[in-house]
Amino acid sequence: MIEHYIELLPIALVGILAGIVSFFNEESQEQAQHRSSLKVALKSLLTSSFLCVIVYAVLSATDLPYLARVGISAAIGFFGVEKAISLAKELLAFKNGRSKGDTQ
């Protein structure tokens, strides 16, 4: 039982790192913020870490390799759910040879 929780620690760390990078990326785009920077940073860290752990836990039900699960969960933790899904759609469309404006 404890092994499963220990397995999630590196995923939480990846989520925290994704949150830090995401926070600094957003902060550089939006210099003027009205709220406290510490609150926004903490929110970004916790949200990214939570998303990474949840997505990794869901993906552990599949037979994907470990690094694929970690990569997918880190991408969702960094970009957010909506942006990660739109990027995945664009990558699949690019792989299938369709451009962004093409419809099925």
Protein backbone atom coordinates (compact mmCIF):
# COMPACT_ATOMS: atom_id res chain seq x y z
CA MET A 1 0.00 0.00 0.00
CA ILE A 2 2.72 2.47 0.93
CA GLU A 3 4.55 1.67 -2.32
CA HIS A 4 1.76 3.29 -4.33
CA TYR A 5 2.08 6.52 -2.36
CA ILE A 6 5.86 6.51 -2.67
CA GLU A 7 5.44 6.11 -6.44
CA LEU A 8 3.39 9.33 -6.49
CA LEU A 9 6.11 11.46 -4.82
CA PRO A 10 8.19 11.97 -7.99
CA ILE A 11 4.99 12.81 -9.87
CA ALA A 12 4.09 15.44 -7.28
CA LEU A 13 7.62 16.86 -7.61
CA VAL A 14 7.22 17.04 -11.40
CA GLY A 15 3.91 18.83 -10.81
CA ILE A 16 5.55 21.34 -8.48
CA LEU A 17 8.28 22.02 -11.03
CA ALA A 18 5.69 22.41 -13.79
CA GLY A 19 3.79 24.84 -11.56
CA ILE A 20 6.91 26.91 -10.92
CA VAL A 21 7.72 27.14 -14.62
CA SER A 22 4.09 27.87 -15.48
CA PHE A 23 3.92 30.61 -12.83
CA PHE A 24 7.04 32.36 -14.10
CA ASN A 25 5.86 31.97 -17.69
CA GLU A 26 2.50 33.60 -16.88
CA GLU A 27 4.11 36.26 -14.71
CA SER A 28 6.43 37.33 -17.51
CA GLN A 29 3.42 37.68 -19.82
CA GLU A 30 1.33 39.61 -17.29
CA GLN A 31 3.56 42.00 -15.35
CA ALA A 32 0.77 43.90 -13.59
CA GLN A 33 -1.00 41.72 -11.07
CA HIS A 34 -3.42 42.95 -8.44
CA ARG A 35 -3.23 39.94 -6.17
CA SER A 36 -0.34 38.86 -4.04
CA SER A 37 2.37 37.06 -6.01
CA LEU A 38 2.80 34.51 -3.26
CA LYS A 39 -0.88 33.53 -3.39
CA VAL A 40 -0.78 33.15 -7.16
CA ALA A 41 2.45 31.14 -7.00
CA LEU A 42 1.06 28.82 -4.33
CA LYS A 43 -2.15 28.33 -6.30
CA SER A 44 -0.17 27.52 -9.44
CA LEU A 45 2.05 25.03 -7.59
CA LEU A 46 -0.81 23.22 -5.89
CA THR A 47 -2.98 23.11 -9.01
CA SER A 48 -0.18 21.75 -11.20
CA SER A 49 0.86 19.17 -8.64
CA PHE A 50 -2.74 18.05 -8.10
CA LEU A 51 -3.35 17.74 -11.86
CA CYS A 52 -0.14 15.74 -12.34
CA VAL A 53 -0.97 13.29 -9.58
CA ILE A 54 -4.58 12.81 -10.70
CA VAL A 55 -3.68 12.37 -14.38
CA TYR A 56 -0.88 9.95 -13.50
CA ALA A 57 -3.25 7.95 -11.31
CA VAL A 58 -5.78 7.75 -14.13
CA LEU A 59 -3.12 6.80 -16.67
CA SER A 60 -1.78 4.06 -14.40
CA ALA A 61 -4.86 2.06 -15.40
CA THR A 62 -3.52 1.94 -18.96
CA ASP A 63 -0.57 -0.06 -20.21
CA LEU A 64 1.47 3.01 -21.17
CA PRO A 65 5.14 3.04 -20.19
CA TYR A 66 6.16 4.92 -17.04
CA LEU A 67 7.84 7.81 -18.86
CA ALA A 68 4.83 8.32 -21.13
CA ARG A 69 2.54 8.58 -18.11
CA VAL A 70 4.92 11.02 -16.43
CA GLY A 71 5.26 13.10 -19.61
CA ILE A 72 1.52 13.30 -20.21
CA SER A 73 0.82 14.23 -16.60
CA ALA A 74 3.57 16.87 -16.62
CA ALA A 75 2.24 18.38 -19.85
CA ILE A 76 -1.25 18.64 -18.40
CA GLY A 77 0.15 20.07 -15.18
CA PHE A 78 2.13 22.69 -17.09
CA PHE A 79 -0.32 23.67 -19.83
CA GLY A 80 -3.61 22.95 -18.12
CA VAL A 81 -6.30 20.61 -19.34
CA GLU A 82 -7.77 22.68 -22.17
CA LYS A 83 -4.46 23.76 -23.68
CA ALA A 84 -3.02 20.22 -23.43
CA ILE A 85 -6.05 18.78 -25.22
CA SER A 86 -5.85 21.37 -28.00
CA LEU A 87 -2.11 20.68 -28.41
CA ALA A 88 -2.79 16.94 -28.59
CA LYS A 89 -5.42 17.53 -31.28
CA GLU A 90 -3.00 19.66 -33.28
CA LEU A 91 -0.26 17.04 -32.97
CA LEU A 92 -2.60 14.27 -34.11
CA ALA A 93 -3.79 16.40 -37.03
CA PHE A 94 -0.17 17.12 -37.96
CA LYS A 95 0.68 13.43 -37.72
CA ASN A 96 -2.24 12.54 -39.99
CA GLY A 97 -1.20 15.16 -42.54
CA ARG A 98 -4.04 17.63 -42.06
CA SER A 99 -3.54 21.31 -41.58
CA LYS A 100 -5.18 23.34 -38.81
CA GLY A 101 -7.95 24.66 -41.08
CA ASP A 102 -8.97 21.26 -42.49
CA THR A 103 -12.13 19.61 -41.24
CA GLN A 104 -13.03 15.94 -41.21
